[in-house]
């Protein structure tokens, strides 16, 4: 559950402008309100607008680094063979558009996930996804989040996330769980 909380940034903090996607530095002492804690990141608003602060900068908000923002623990035994597809989907469900409290899978943004073996014993994951709006500047940040989560899965040597626009996204693509989360059903 997300509860809005006011905080003062304890240090300068790199932030991403929502929805433009530009990176700026919010100065120490800036009064922000945390509106969402999603996928290990924080969505905040302040007098300058709306921003995403990554989990690695949680300390600037007086928060502990969320588990989703920490480097995932690798399996102790070396992984052999292709990555577990279910685990790849689970990782994508930890990625969020910072304005919408539903993960990208349940939003219907992920169109495909394929595991390929470009070299013997090396597995690459290719994801095609879209955004809720073609002009959203957060697209590269969301795609990079997805890529980093995929690379964390044992057996993945590379991941590519491509933003596509056909077919165009509609609310009909949201899963039942996502619709319930958004209050659409």
N, C-alpha and C. Protein backbone atom coordinates (compact mmCIF):
# COMPACT_ATOMS: atom_id res chain seq x y z
N UNK A 1 0.84 -1.18 0.00
CA UNK A 1 0.00 0.00 0.00
C UNK A 1 0.89 1.23 0.00
N UNK A 2 0.52 2.24 -0.78
CA UNK A 2 1.28 3.47 -0.85
C UNK A 2 0.60 4.53 0.00
N UNK A 3 1.35 5.09 0.93
CA UNK A 3 0.86 6.16 1.77
C UNK A 3 1.71 7.38 1.47
N UNK A 4 1.08 8.52 1.19
CA UNK A 4 1.84 9.74 0.91
C UNK A 4 2.52 10.21 2.19
N UNK A 5 3.81 10.50 2.06
CA UNK A 5 4.59 10.98 3.20
C UNK A 5 5.47 12.12 2.76
N UNK A 6 5.50 13.18 3.55
CA UNK A 6 6.39 14.31 3.26
C UNK A 6 7.77 14.03 3.83
N UNK A 7 8.79 14.42 3.08
CA UNK A 7 10.18 14.25 3.49
C UNK A 7 10.99 15.43 2.99
N UNK A 8 12.13 15.65 3.64
CA UNK A 8 13.14 16.59 3.14
C UNK A 8 14.30 15.77 2.63
N UNK A 9 14.76 16.06 1.43
CA UNK A 9 15.92 15.34 0.92
C UNK A 9 17.13 15.67 1.78
N UNK A 10 17.83 14.65 2.21
CA UNK A 10 18.98 14.85 3.10
C UNK A 10 20.26 15.14 2.33
N UNK A 11 20.22 14.93 1.02
CA UNK A 11 21.37 15.23 0.16
C UNK A 11 20.86 15.46 -1.25
N UNK A 12 21.73 16.04 -2.09
CA UNK A 12 21.37 16.18 -3.50
C UNK A 12 21.03 14.81 -4.04
N UNK A 13 20.08 14.75 -4.96
CA UNK A 13 19.59 13.45 -5.42
C UNK A 13 19.26 13.51 -6.91
N UNK A 14 19.88 12.61 -7.69
CA UNK A 14 19.55 12.51 -9.10
C UNK A 14 18.13 11.99 -9.23
N UNK A 15 17.33 12.63 -10.07
CA UNK A 15 15.93 12.28 -10.22
C UNK A 15 15.55 12.33 -11.69
N UNK A 16 14.50 11.61 -12.04
CA UNK A 16 13.99 11.60 -13.41
C UNK A 16 12.66 12.33 -13.42
N UNK A 17 12.54 13.31 -14.31
CA UNK A 17 11.31 14.09 -14.45
C UNK A 17 10.23 13.21 -15.07
N UNK A 18 9.06 13.16 -14.44
CA UNK A 18 7.92 12.40 -14.96
C UNK A 18 6.94 13.39 -15.58
N UNK A 19 6.48 13.22 -16.80
CA UNK A 19 6.72 12.10 -17.70
C UNK A 19 7.82 12.37 -18.73
N UNK A 20 8.51 13.49 -18.67
CA UNK A 20 9.47 13.86 -19.71
C UNK A 20 10.64 12.90 -19.82
N UNK A 21 11.10 12.35 -18.68
CA UNK A 21 12.21 11.41 -18.72
C UNK A 21 13.57 12.06 -18.59
N UNK A 22 13.62 13.38 -18.46
CA UNK A 22 14.91 14.07 -18.30
C UNK A 22 15.45 13.82 -16.89
N UNK A 23 16.76 13.84 -16.77
CA UNK A 23 17.40 13.66 -15.47
C UNK A 23 17.80 15.02 -14.92
N UNK A 24 17.44 15.26 -13.66
CA UNK A 24 17.85 16.50 -12.99
C UNK A 24 18.32 16.16 -11.58
N UNK A 25 18.93 17.12 -10.96
CA UNK A 25 19.41 16.96 -9.60
C UNK A 25 18.50 17.76 -8.67
N UNK A 26 17.80 17.07 -7.77
CA UNK A 26 17.00 17.78 -6.76
C UNK A 26 17.94 18.09 -5.59
N UNK A 27 17.99 19.33 -5.14
CA UNK A 27 18.95 19.69 -4.09
C UNK A 27 18.53 19.22 -2.69
N UNK A 28 19.54 19.02 -1.87
CA UNK A 28 19.31 18.69 -0.46
C UNK A 28 18.39 19.75 0.13
N UNK A 29 17.49 19.34 1.01
CA UNK A 29 16.56 20.26 1.65
C UNK A 29 15.26 20.43 0.90
N UNK A 30 15.14 19.86 -0.33
CA UNK A 30 13.90 19.95 -1.08
C UNK A 30 12.81 19.16 -0.36
N UNK A 31 11.65 19.78 -0.15
CA UNK A 31 10.52 19.11 0.48
C UNK A 31 9.78 18.33 -0.61
N UNK A 32 9.68 17.01 -0.42
CA UNK A 32 9.01 16.15 -1.37
C UNK A 32 7.93 15.34 -0.66
N UNK A 33 6.95 14.90 -1.42
CA UNK A 33 5.94 13.98 -0.93
C UNK A 33 6.07 12.69 -1.71
N UNK A 34 6.30 11.59 -1.01
CA UNK A 34 6.37 10.28 -1.66
C UNK A 34 4.94 9.85 -1.96
N UNK A 35 4.64 9.64 -3.24
CA UNK A 35 3.29 9.22 -3.62
C UNK A 35 3.21 7.73 -3.94
N UNK A 36 4.33 7.14 -4.40
CA UNK A 36 4.35 5.71 -4.72
C UNK A 36 5.70 5.12 -4.36
N UNK A 37 5.67 3.89 -3.92
CA UNK A 37 6.86 3.05 -3.75
C UNK A 37 6.63 1.86 -4.66
N UNK A 38 7.23 1.90 -5.85
CA UNK A 38 6.93 0.90 -6.86
C UNK A 38 8.21 0.26 -7.40
N UNK A 39 8.31 -1.06 -7.30
CA UNK A 39 9.42 -1.78 -7.91
C UNK A 39 10.78 -1.34 -7.42
N UNK A 40 10.86 -0.88 -6.18
CA UNK A 40 12.14 -0.46 -5.63
C UNK A 40 12.48 0.99 -5.91
N UNK A 41 11.57 1.71 -6.57
CA UNK A 41 11.76 3.14 -6.86
C UNK A 41 10.69 3.94 -6.14
N UNK A 42 10.90 5.26 -6.09
CA UNK A 42 9.96 6.15 -5.42
C UNK A 42 9.47 7.20 -6.41
N UNK A 43 8.17 7.46 -6.41
CA UNK A 43 7.61 8.58 -7.15
C UNK A 43 7.34 9.66 -6.11
N UNK A 44 7.87 10.86 -6.40
CA UNK A 44 7.72 11.99 -5.47
C UNK A 44 7.21 13.20 -6.23
N UNK A 45 6.52 14.08 -5.49
CA UNK A 45 6.13 15.37 -6.03
C UNK A 45 6.69 16.45 -5.11
N UNK A 46 7.00 17.58 -5.72
CA UNK A 46 7.48 18.74 -4.97
C UNK A 46 7.12 19.98 -5.76
N UNK A 47 7.58 21.11 -5.31
CA UNK A 47 7.22 22.36 -5.99
C UNK A 47 7.72 22.41 -7.43
N UNK A 48 8.69 21.55 -7.78
CA UNK A 48 9.25 21.55 -9.14
C UNK A 48 8.53 20.61 -10.08
N UNK A 49 7.66 19.72 -9.55
CA UNK A 49 6.95 18.77 -10.39
C UNK A 49 6.96 17.37 -9.80
N UNK A 50 6.83 16.37 -10.70
CA UNK A 50 6.82 14.96 -10.31
C UNK A 50 8.10 14.30 -10.78
N UNK A 51 8.68 13.44 -9.91
CA UNK A 51 9.96 12.83 -10.20
C UNK A 51 10.00 11.38 -9.75
N UNK A 52 10.90 10.61 -10.38
CA UNK A 52 11.20 9.27 -9.91
C UNK A 52 12.59 9.29 -9.31
N UNK A 53 12.70 8.76 -8.11
CA UNK A 53 13.99 8.59 -7.43
C UNK A 53 14.22 7.10 -7.32
N UNK A 54 15.37 6.64 -7.80
CA UNK A 54 15.62 5.20 -7.77
C UNK A 54 15.92 4.73 -6.36
N UNK A 55 15.71 3.45 -6.14
CA UNK A 55 15.91 2.85 -4.83
C UNK A 55 17.31 3.01 -4.29
N UNK A 56 18.31 3.12 -5.18
CA UNK A 56 19.68 3.28 -4.70
C UNK A 56 19.87 4.61 -3.97
N UNK A 57 18.96 5.54 -4.18
CA UNK A 57 19.01 6.84 -3.50
C UNK A 57 17.97 6.95 -2.39
N UNK A 58 17.48 5.83 -1.91
CA UNK A 58 16.46 5.81 -0.86
C UNK A 58 16.92 6.56 0.39
N UNK A 59 18.22 6.49 0.68
CA UNK A 59 18.74 7.15 1.88
C UNK A 59 18.50 8.66 1.85
N UNK A 60 18.47 9.27 0.67
CA UNK A 60 18.22 10.71 0.56
C UNK A 60 16.80 11.06 1.01
N UNK A 61 15.92 10.05 0.99
CA UNK A 61 14.54 10.22 1.44
C UNK A 61 14.36 9.76 2.89
N UNK A 62 15.44 9.30 3.50
CA UNK A 62 15.33 8.76 4.85
C UNK A 62 14.73 7.37 4.86
N UNK A 63 14.84 6.67 3.74
CA UNK A 63 14.29 5.32 3.59
C UNK A 63 15.43 4.32 3.47
N UNK A 64 15.11 3.07 3.73
CA UNK A 64 16.07 2.00 3.49
C UNK A 64 15.96 1.59 2.03
N UNK A 65 17.07 1.10 1.48
CA UNK A 65 17.05 0.64 0.09
C UNK A 65 16.08 -0.51 -0.03
N UNK A 66 15.07 -0.38 -0.90
CA UNK A 66 14.10 -1.47 -1.07
C UNK A 66 14.78 -2.71 -1.63
N UNK A 67 14.29 -3.88 -1.26
CA UNK A 67 14.86 -5.13 -1.75
C UNK A 67 14.89 -5.17 -3.28
N UNK A 68 13.87 -4.65 -3.93
CA UNK A 68 13.81 -4.69 -5.39
C UNK A 68 14.91 -3.84 -6.03
N UNK A 69 15.50 -2.91 -5.29
CA UNK A 69 16.55 -2.05 -5.84
C UNK A 69 17.94 -2.61 -5.59
N UNK A 70 18.03 -3.59 -4.70
CA UNK A 70 19.32 -4.19 -4.42
C UNK A 70 19.68 -5.19 -5.50
N UNK A 71 20.96 -5.47 -5.64
CA UNK A 71 21.39 -6.48 -6.60
C UNK A 71 20.79 -7.82 -6.19
N UNK A 72 20.11 -8.49 -7.09
CA UNK A 72 19.49 -9.76 -6.74
C UNK A 72 20.54 -10.80 -6.35
N UNK A 73 20.19 -11.63 -5.40
CA UNK A 73 21.10 -12.69 -4.99
C UNK A 73 21.18 -13.73 -6.11
N UNK A 74 22.37 -14.12 -6.44
CA UNK A 74 22.56 -15.13 -7.47
C UNK A 74 22.49 -16.51 -6.82
N UNK A 75 22.03 -17.49 -7.57
CA UNK A 75 22.02 -18.85 -7.07
C UNK A 75 23.44 -19.26 -6.73
N UNK A 76 23.61 -20.03 -5.66
CA UNK A 76 24.95 -20.45 -5.25
C UNK A 76 25.57 -21.37 -6.28
N UNK A 77 24.82 -22.31 -6.82
CA UNK A 77 25.34 -23.22 -7.82
C UNK A 77 25.37 -22.52 -9.17
N UNK A 78 26.41 -22.75 -9.97
CA UNK A 78 26.44 -22.14 -11.30
C UNK A 78 25.23 -22.60 -12.11
N UNK A 79 24.68 -21.69 -12.88
CA UNK A 79 23.49 -22.01 -13.67
C UNK A 79 23.92 -22.57 -15.02
N UNK A 80 23.27 -23.63 -15.44
CA UNK A 80 23.52 -24.20 -16.76
C UNK A 80 22.22 -24.25 -17.51
N UNK A 81 22.29 -24.01 -18.80
CA UNK A 81 21.11 -24.06 -19.64
C UNK A 81 20.39 -22.73 -19.68
N UNK A 82 19.27 -22.70 -20.38
CA UNK A 82 18.53 -21.44 -20.55
C UNK A 82 17.92 -20.97 -19.23
N UNK A 83 17.67 -19.66 -19.13
CA UNK A 83 17.04 -19.14 -17.92
C UNK A 83 15.59 -19.63 -17.82
N UNK A 84 15.10 -19.64 -16.59
CA UNK A 84 13.74 -20.04 -16.30
C UNK A 84 12.78 -18.94 -16.78
N UNK A 85 11.93 -19.28 -17.73
CA UNK A 85 11.01 -18.30 -18.33
C UNK A 85 10.06 -17.71 -17.29
N UNK A 86 9.56 -18.55 -16.38
CA UNK A 86 8.66 -18.05 -15.33
C UNK A 86 9.37 -16.99 -14.48
N UNK A 87 10.63 -17.23 -14.19
CA UNK A 87 11.40 -16.27 -13.39
C UNK A 87 11.59 -14.95 -14.15
N UNK A 88 11.76 -15.03 -15.47
CA UNK A 88 11.89 -13.81 -16.28
C UNK A 88 10.61 -12.98 -16.17
N UNK A 89 9.46 -13.64 -16.29
CA UNK A 89 8.17 -12.93 -16.17
C UNK A 89 8.00 -12.34 -14.77
N UNK A 90 8.42 -13.10 -13.76
CA UNK A 90 8.35 -12.59 -12.38
C UNK A 90 9.16 -11.31 -12.23
N UNK A 91 10.34 -11.28 -12.84
CA UNK A 91 11.18 -10.08 -12.76
C UNK A 91 10.51 -8.90 -13.47
N UNK A 92 9.89 -9.15 -14.62
CA UNK A 92 9.21 -8.06 -15.32
C UNK A 92 8.04 -7.51 -14.49
N UNK A 93 7.47 -8.35 -13.64
CA UNK A 93 6.37 -7.88 -12.79
C UNK A 93 6.86 -6.99 -11.65
N UNK A 94 8.17 -6.77 -11.55
CA UNK A 94 8.70 -5.84 -10.55
C UNK A 94 9.03 -4.48 -11.16
N UNK A 95 8.66 -4.29 -12.43
CA UNK A 95 8.93 -3.03 -13.14
C UNK A 95 7.61 -2.27 -13.27
N UNK A 96 7.68 -0.97 -12.98
CA UNK A 96 6.48 -0.13 -12.98
C UNK A 96 6.68 1.15 -13.77
N UNK A 97 5.61 1.62 -14.38
CA UNK A 97 5.54 2.99 -14.86
C UNK A 97 5.36 3.82 -13.59
N UNK A 98 6.19 4.85 -13.36
CA UNK A 98 6.11 5.55 -12.07
C UNK A 98 4.80 6.30 -11.80
N UNK A 99 3.97 6.44 -12.81
CA UNK A 99 2.70 7.14 -12.60
C UNK A 99 1.54 6.19 -12.33
N UNK A 100 1.75 4.90 -12.58
CA UNK A 100 0.65 3.94 -12.50
C UNK A 100 1.03 2.82 -11.54
N UNK A 101 0.24 2.56 -10.52
CA UNK A 101 0.62 1.56 -9.51
C UNK A 101 0.34 0.11 -9.92
N UNK A 102 0.61 -0.22 -11.19
CA UNK A 102 0.44 -1.58 -11.68
C UNK A 102 1.70 -1.91 -12.49
N UNK A 103 2.21 -3.13 -12.34
CA UNK A 103 3.43 -3.51 -13.06
C UNK A 103 3.19 -3.58 -14.56
N UNK A 104 4.30 -3.55 -15.33
CA UNK A 104 4.20 -3.48 -16.79
C UNK A 104 3.58 -4.72 -17.41
N UNK A 105 3.70 -5.87 -16.75
CA UNK A 105 3.08 -7.09 -17.28
C UNK A 105 1.56 -7.00 -17.13
N UNK A 106 1.09 -6.67 -15.93
CA UNK A 106 -0.36 -6.58 -15.71
C UNK A 106 -0.99 -5.39 -16.42
N UNK A 107 -0.17 -4.38 -16.76
CA UNK A 107 -0.69 -3.27 -17.58
C UNK A 107 -0.88 -3.69 -19.03
N UNK A 108 -0.29 -4.82 -19.40
CA UNK A 108 -0.39 -5.28 -20.79
C UNK A 108 0.63 -4.62 -21.69
N UNK A 109 1.70 -4.09 -21.12
CA UNK A 109 2.71 -3.39 -21.91
C UNK A 109 3.72 -4.33 -22.55
N UNK A 110 3.86 -5.54 -22.01
CA UNK A 110 4.85 -6.48 -22.55
C UNK A 110 4.15 -7.35 -23.60
N UNK A 111 4.58 -7.21 -24.84
CA UNK A 111 3.97 -7.95 -25.94
C UNK A 111 4.61 -9.31 -26.17
N UNK A 112 5.92 -9.41 -25.94
CA UNK A 112 6.57 -10.71 -26.15
C UNK A 112 7.85 -10.80 -25.33
N UNK A 113 8.22 -12.04 -25.01
CA UNK A 113 9.47 -12.35 -24.33
C UNK A 113 10.00 -13.61 -24.97
N UNK A 114 11.22 -13.53 -25.53
CA UNK A 114 11.82 -14.68 -26.19
C UNK A 114 13.22 -14.89 -25.64
N UNK A 115 13.58 -16.14 -25.46
CA UNK A 115 14.94 -16.51 -25.06
C UNK A 115 15.62 -17.11 -26.28
N UNK A 116 16.79 -16.56 -26.63
CA UNK A 116 17.56 -17.04 -27.77
C UNK A 116 18.95 -17.46 -27.30
N UNK A 117 19.60 -18.28 -28.09
CA UNK A 117 20.96 -18.73 -27.79
C UNK A 117 21.88 -18.28 -28.93
N UNK A 118 22.33 -17.00 -28.90
CA UNK A 118 23.16 -16.49 -30.00
C UNK A 118 24.52 -17.17 -30.10
N UNK A 119 25.02 -17.69 -28.99
CA UNK A 119 26.28 -18.45 -28.94
C UNK A 119 26.02 -19.66 -28.06
N UNK A 120 26.71 -20.74 -28.30
CA UNK A 120 26.49 -21.91 -27.43
C UNK A 120 26.68 -21.57 -25.95
N UNK A 121 25.65 -21.88 -25.18
CA UNK A 121 25.71 -21.65 -23.74
C UNK A 121 25.46 -20.22 -23.30
N UNK A 122 25.22 -19.31 -24.23
CA UNK A 122 24.92 -17.90 -23.91
C UNK A 122 23.48 -17.63 -24.29
N UNK A 123 22.71 -17.12 -23.32
CA UNK A 123 21.29 -16.90 -23.56
C UNK A 123 20.94 -15.42 -23.47
N UNK A 124 20.25 -14.96 -24.51
CA UNK A 124 19.81 -13.57 -24.57
C UNK A 124 18.28 -13.54 -24.50
N UNK A 125 17.77 -12.54 -23.82
CA UNK A 125 16.33 -12.37 -23.71
C UNK A 125 15.95 -11.14 -24.52
N UNK A 126 14.96 -11.31 -25.39
CA UNK A 126 14.44 -10.20 -26.19
C UNK A 126 13.01 -9.94 -25.77
N UNK A 127 12.75 -8.69 -25.40
CA UNK A 127 11.40 -8.29 -24.99
C UNK A 127 10.93 -7.18 -25.90
N UNK A 128 9.70 -7.29 -26.37
CA UNK A 128 9.04 -6.21 -27.10
C UNK A 128 7.95 -5.69 -26.18
N UNK A 129 7.98 -4.40 -25.95
CA UNK A 129 6.97 -3.79 -25.07
C UNK A 129 6.57 -2.43 -25.62
N UNK A 130 5.52 -1.92 -25.07
CA UNK A 130 5.03 -0.60 -25.46
C UNK A 130 4.85 0.23 -24.21
N UNK A 131 4.29 1.40 -24.37
CA UNK A 131 3.96 2.29 -23.25
C UNK A 131 2.50 2.68 -23.37
N UNK A 132 1.96 3.25 -22.32
CA UNK A 132 0.56 3.66 -22.36
C UNK A 132 0.35 4.83 -23.30
N UNK A 133 1.42 5.60 -23.58
CA UNK A 133 1.33 6.73 -24.50
C UNK A 133 2.65 6.86 -25.26
N UNK A 134 2.60 6.99 -26.60
CA UNK A 134 3.83 7.05 -27.39
C UNK A 134 4.77 8.20 -27.01
N UNK A 135 4.26 9.29 -26.51
CA UNK A 135 5.11 10.43 -26.18
C UNK A 135 5.74 10.38 -24.80
N UNK A 136 5.54 9.29 -24.06
CA UNK A 136 6.04 9.21 -22.69
C UNK A 136 7.56 9.18 -22.68
N UNK A 137 8.16 10.18 -22.06
CA UNK A 137 9.60 10.27 -21.96
C UNK A 137 10.20 9.27 -21.00
N UNK A 138 9.38 8.61 -20.20
CA UNK A 138 9.88 7.62 -19.24
C UNK A 138 10.19 6.28 -19.90
N UNK A 139 9.85 6.13 -21.18
CA UNK A 139 10.07 4.88 -21.88
C UNK A 139 11.47 4.32 -21.74
N UNK A 140 12.52 5.11 -22.01
CA UNK A 140 13.88 4.56 -21.87
C UNK A 140 14.19 4.13 -20.43
N UNK A 141 13.70 4.85 -19.43
CA UNK A 141 13.95 4.48 -18.03
C UNK A 141 13.23 3.18 -17.68
N UNK A 142 11.99 3.02 -18.14
CA UNK A 142 11.23 1.80 -17.87
C UNK A 142 11.88 0.62 -18.59
N UNK A 143 12.29 0.82 -19.84
CA UNK A 143 12.95 -0.25 -20.60
C UNK A 143 14.27 -0.66 -19.93
N UNK A 144 15.03 0.31 -19.43
CA UNK A 144 16.28 0.00 -18.75
C UNK A 144 16.02 -0.76 -17.45
N UNK A 145 14.98 -0.38 -16.71
CA UNK A 145 14.59 -1.13 -15.50
C UNK A 145 14.32 -2.59 -15.87
N UNK A 146 13.54 -2.79 -16.95
CA UNK A 146 13.19 -4.15 -17.38
C UNK A 146 14.46 -4.92 -17.75
N UNK A 147 15.34 -4.29 -18.49
CA UNK A 147 16.59 -4.95 -18.90
C UNK A 147 17.41 -5.38 -17.69
N UNK A 148 17.56 -4.49 -16.72
CA UNK A 148 18.36 -4.82 -15.53
C UNK A 148 17.73 -5.96 -14.74
N UNK A 149 16.41 -6.00 -14.65
CA UNK A 149 15.75 -7.09 -13.93
C UNK A 149 15.93 -8.41 -14.66
N UNK A 150 15.88 -8.38 -16.00
CA UNK A 150 16.07 -9.60 -16.78
C UNK A 150 17.49 -10.14 -16.65
N UNK A 151 18.46 -9.25 -16.71
CA UNK A 151 19.87 -9.65 -16.62
C UNK A 151 20.16 -10.30 -15.26
N UNK A 152 19.38 -9.96 -14.25
CA UNK A 152 19.60 -10.52 -12.91
C UNK A 152 19.22 -11.99 -12.80
N UNK A 153 18.51 -12.53 -13.78
CA UNK A 153 18.05 -13.92 -13.73
C UNK A 153 19.21 -14.84 -14.13
N UNK A 154 19.49 -15.84 -13.31
CA UNK A 154 20.57 -16.78 -13.66
C UNK A 154 20.37 -17.38 -15.05
N UNK A 155 21.46 -17.40 -15.82
CA UNK A 155 21.42 -17.94 -17.17
C UNK A 155 21.30 -16.89 -18.25
N UNK A 156 20.98 -15.65 -17.89
CA UNK A 156 20.84 -14.59 -18.89
C UNK A 156 22.19 -13.90 -19.07
N UNK A 157 22.68 -13.90 -20.29
CA UNK A 157 23.94 -13.21 -20.57
C UNK A 157 23.71 -11.84 -21.19
N UNK A 158 22.54 -11.63 -21.78
CA UNK A 158 22.22 -10.34 -22.39
C UNK A 158 20.69 -10.20 -22.45
N UNK A 159 20.24 -8.96 -22.41
CA UNK A 159 18.81 -8.68 -22.55
C UNK A 159 18.64 -7.43 -23.39
N UNK A 160 17.65 -7.48 -24.24
CA UNK A 160 17.31 -6.32 -25.08
C UNK A 160 15.82 -6.05 -24.91
N UNK A 161 15.49 -4.81 -24.67
CA UNK A 161 14.09 -4.41 -24.52
C UNK A 161 13.80 -3.37 -25.58
N UNK A 162 12.92 -3.71 -26.49
CA UNK A 162 12.58 -2.82 -27.60
C UNK A 162 11.20 -2.21 -27.35
N UNK A 163 11.11 -0.89 -27.50
CA UNK A 163 9.82 -0.20 -27.41
C UNK A 163 9.19 -0.20 -28.79
N UNK A 164 7.96 -0.73 -28.88
CA UNK A 164 7.24 -0.77 -30.15
C UNK A 164 5.88 -0.11 -29.96
N UNK A 165 5.25 0.25 -31.06
CA UNK A 165 3.98 0.99 -30.98
C UNK A 165 2.84 0.31 -31.72
N UNK A 166 3.10 -0.87 -32.27
CA UNK A 166 2.07 -1.58 -33.01
C UNK A 166 1.98 -2.99 -32.47
N UNK A 167 0.85 -3.41 -31.95
CA UNK A 167 -0.40 -2.67 -31.90
C UNK A 167 -0.38 -1.60 -30.81
N UNK A 168 -1.14 -0.55 -31.00
CA UNK A 168 -1.22 0.48 -29.96
C UNK A 168 -1.83 -0.10 -28.68
N UNK A 169 -1.33 0.36 -27.55
CA UNK A 169 -1.84 -0.10 -26.26
C UNK A 169 -3.22 0.49 -26.01
N UNK A 170 -4.09 -0.34 -25.41
CA UNK A 170 -5.41 0.12 -24.96
C UNK A 170 -5.66 -0.46 -23.57
N UNK A 171 -6.61 0.11 -22.86
CA UNK A 171 -6.94 -0.40 -21.53
C UNK A 171 -7.44 -1.83 -21.56
N UNK A 172 -7.91 -2.30 -22.71
CA UNK A 172 -8.36 -3.69 -22.82
C UNK A 172 -7.22 -4.67 -22.59
N UNK A 173 -5.97 -4.22 -22.70
CA UNK A 173 -4.80 -5.09 -22.54
C UNK A 173 -4.42 -5.30 -21.07
N UNK A 174 -5.02 -4.54 -20.18
CA UNK A 174 -4.72 -4.68 -18.75
C UNK A 174 -5.31 -6.00 -18.25
N UNK A 175 -4.52 -6.73 -17.47
CA UNK A 175 -5.01 -8.00 -16.91
C UNK A 175 -6.13 -7.73 -15.91
N UNK A 176 -6.85 -8.79 -15.56
CA UNK A 176 -7.92 -8.67 -14.56
C UNK A 176 -7.35 -8.15 -13.24
N UNK A 177 -6.18 -8.68 -12.86
CA UNK A 177 -5.53 -8.23 -11.62
C UNK A 177 -5.20 -6.74 -11.69
N UNK A 178 -4.67 -6.31 -12.84
CA UNK A 178 -4.35 -4.89 -13.01
C UNK A 178 -5.59 -4.01 -12.96
N UNK A 179 -6.67 -4.47 -13.58
CA UNK A 179 -7.91 -3.71 -13.57
C UNK A 179 -8.45 -3.58 -12.15
N UNK A 180 -8.32 -4.65 -11.37
CA UNK A 180 -8.78 -4.60 -9.98
C UNK A 180 -7.93 -3.59 -9.20
N UNK A 181 -6.61 -3.61 -9.41
CA UNK A 181 -5.71 -2.68 -8.73
C UNK A 181 -6.05 -1.22 -9.05
N UNK A 182 -6.44 -0.98 -10.29
CA UNK A 182 -6.78 0.38 -10.73
C UNK A 182 -8.22 0.75 -10.45
N UNK A 183 -9.01 -0.18 -9.94
CA UNK A 183 -10.42 0.10 -9.65
C UNK A 183 -11.28 0.16 -10.90
N UNK A 184 -10.85 -0.53 -11.96
CA UNK A 184 -11.62 -0.51 -13.21
C UNK A 184 -12.69 -1.59 -13.26
N UNK A 185 -12.63 -2.53 -12.29
CA UNK A 185 -13.69 -3.54 -12.21
C UNK A 185 -14.04 -3.75 -10.75
